[in-house]
Amino acid sequence: MLLDKFHVDLNEDMSNLSFKDLDIEERKRLLVWQARKNLETKLQSDKDLQSLLT
């Protein structure tokens, strides 16, 4: 799982980080974190996707 591979903690708030100020490893962590947060948002708002979870 990408969260484990890149040591991403979903409880950590990375929304205030600037992509340009990060090194390559930190950028990878930020991109994985952002993708996961975007997926969570989409799952909450999309009824068809919600049905896949149950």
C-alpha atoms as a PDB file:
ATOM      1  CA  MET A   1       0.000   0.000   0.000  1.00  0.00           C
ATOM      2  CA  LEU A   2       1.321   3.442  -0.901  1.00  0.00           C
ATOM      3  CA  LEU A   3       0.520   4.850   2.522  1.00  0.00           C
ATOM      4  CA  ASP A   4       2.923   2.358   4.082  1.00  0.00           C
ATOM      5  CA  LYS A   5       5.549   2.589   1.367  1.00  0.00           C
ATOM      6  CA  PHE A   6       5.873   6.359   1.691  1.00  0.00           C
ATOM      7  CA  HIS A   7       5.178   6.501   5.447  1.00  0.00           C
ATOM      8  CA  VAL A   8       2.092   8.692   5.114  1.00  0.00           C
ATOM      9  CA  ASP A   9       0.066   9.393   8.235  1.00  0.00           C
ATOM     10  CA  LEU A  10      -3.491  10.339   7.278  1.00  0.00           C
ATOM     11  CA  ASN A  11      -3.933  12.120  10.602  1.00  0.00           C
ATOM     12  CA  GLU A  12      -1.126  14.510   9.716  1.00  0.00           C
ATOM     13  CA  ASP A  13      -2.288  17.758   8.102  1.00  0.00           C
ATOM     14  CA  MET A  14      -0.111  18.332   5.059  1.00  0.00           C
ATOM     15  CA  SER A  15      -2.437  20.833   3.394  1.00  0.00           C
ATOM     16  CA  ASN A  16      -0.246  23.811   4.285  1.00  0.00           C
ATOM     17  CA  LEU A  17       2.938  22.424   2.689  1.00  0.00           C
ATOM     18  CA  SER A  18       4.323  24.031  -0.458  1.00  0.00           C
ATOM     19  CA  PHE A  19       5.243  21.488  -3.138  1.00  0.00           C
ATOM     20  CA  LYS A  20       8.135  23.652  -4.371  1.00  0.00           C
ATOM     21  CA  ASP A  21       9.736  23.776  -0.922  1.00  0.00           C
ATOM     22  CA  LEU A  22       9.867  19.993  -0.471  1.00  0.00           C
ATOM     23  CA  ASP A  23      12.525  17.484  -1.428  1.00  0.00           C
ATOM     24  CA  ILE A  24      11.609  14.538  -3.665  1.00  0.00           C
ATOM     25  CA  GLU A  25      10.682  12.160  -0.828  1.00  0.00           C
ATOM     26  CA  GLU A  26       8.508  14.757   0.873  1.00  0.00           C
ATOM     27  CA  ARG A  27       6.831  15.493  -2.466  1.00  0.00           C
ATOM     28  CA  LYS A  28       5.973  11.827  -2.879  1.00  0.00           C
ATOM     29  CA  ARG A  29       4.437  11.763   0.606  1.00  0.00           C
ATOM     30  CA  LEU A  30       2.433  14.907  -0.144  1.00  0.00           C
ATOM     31  CA  LEU A  31       1.106  13.536  -3.448  1.00  0.00           C
ATOM     32  CA  VAL A  32       0.007  10.273  -1.827  1.00  0.00           C
ATOM     33  CA  TRP A  33      -1.621  12.189   1.039  1.00  0.00           C
ATOM     34  CA  GLN A  34      -3.452  14.497  -1.385  1.00  0.00           C
ATOM     35  CA  ALA A  35      -4.673  11.606  -3.513  1.00  0.00           C
ATOM     36  CA  ARG A  36      -6.043   9.805  -0.468  1.00  0.00           C
ATOM     37  CA  LYS A  37      -7.800  12.928   0.833  1.00  0.00           C
ATOM     38  CA  ASN A  38      -9.315  13.564  -2.617  1.00  0.00           C
ATOM     39  CA  LEU A  39     -10.564   9.972  -2.742  1.00  0.00           C
ATOM     40  CA  GLU A  40     -12.145  10.314   0.703  1.00  0.00           C
ATOM     41  CA  THR A  41     -13.948  13.468  -0.424  1.00  0.00           C
ATOM     42  CA  LYS A  42     -15.162  11.824  -3.614  1.00  0.00           C
ATOM     43  CA  LEU A  43     -16.401   8.753  -1.724  1.00  0.00           C
ATOM     44  CA  GLN A  44     -18.411  10.935   0.649  1.00  0.00           C
ATOM     45  CA  SER A  45     -20.168  12.815  -2.135  1.00  0.00           C
ATOM     46  CA  ASP A  46     -20.676  10.129  -4.815  1.00  0.00           C
ATOM     47  CA  LYS A  47     -23.603   7.780  -4.150  1.00  0.00           C
ATOM     48  CA  ASP A  48     -22.465   5.228  -6.735  1.00  0.00           C
ATOM     49  CA  LEU A  49     -19.015   4.940  -5.182  1.00  0.00           C
ATOM     50  CA  GLN A  50     -20.490   4.715  -1.685  1.00  0.00           C
ATOM     51  CA  SER A  51     -22.434   1.642  -2.768  1.00  0.00           C
ATOM     52  CA  LEU A  52     -19.173  -0.116  -3.601  1.00  0.00           C
ATOM     53  CA  LEU A  53     -18.052   0.162   0.015  1.00  0.00           C
ATOM     54  CA  THR A  54     -21.038  -1.674   1.457  1.00  0.00           C
END
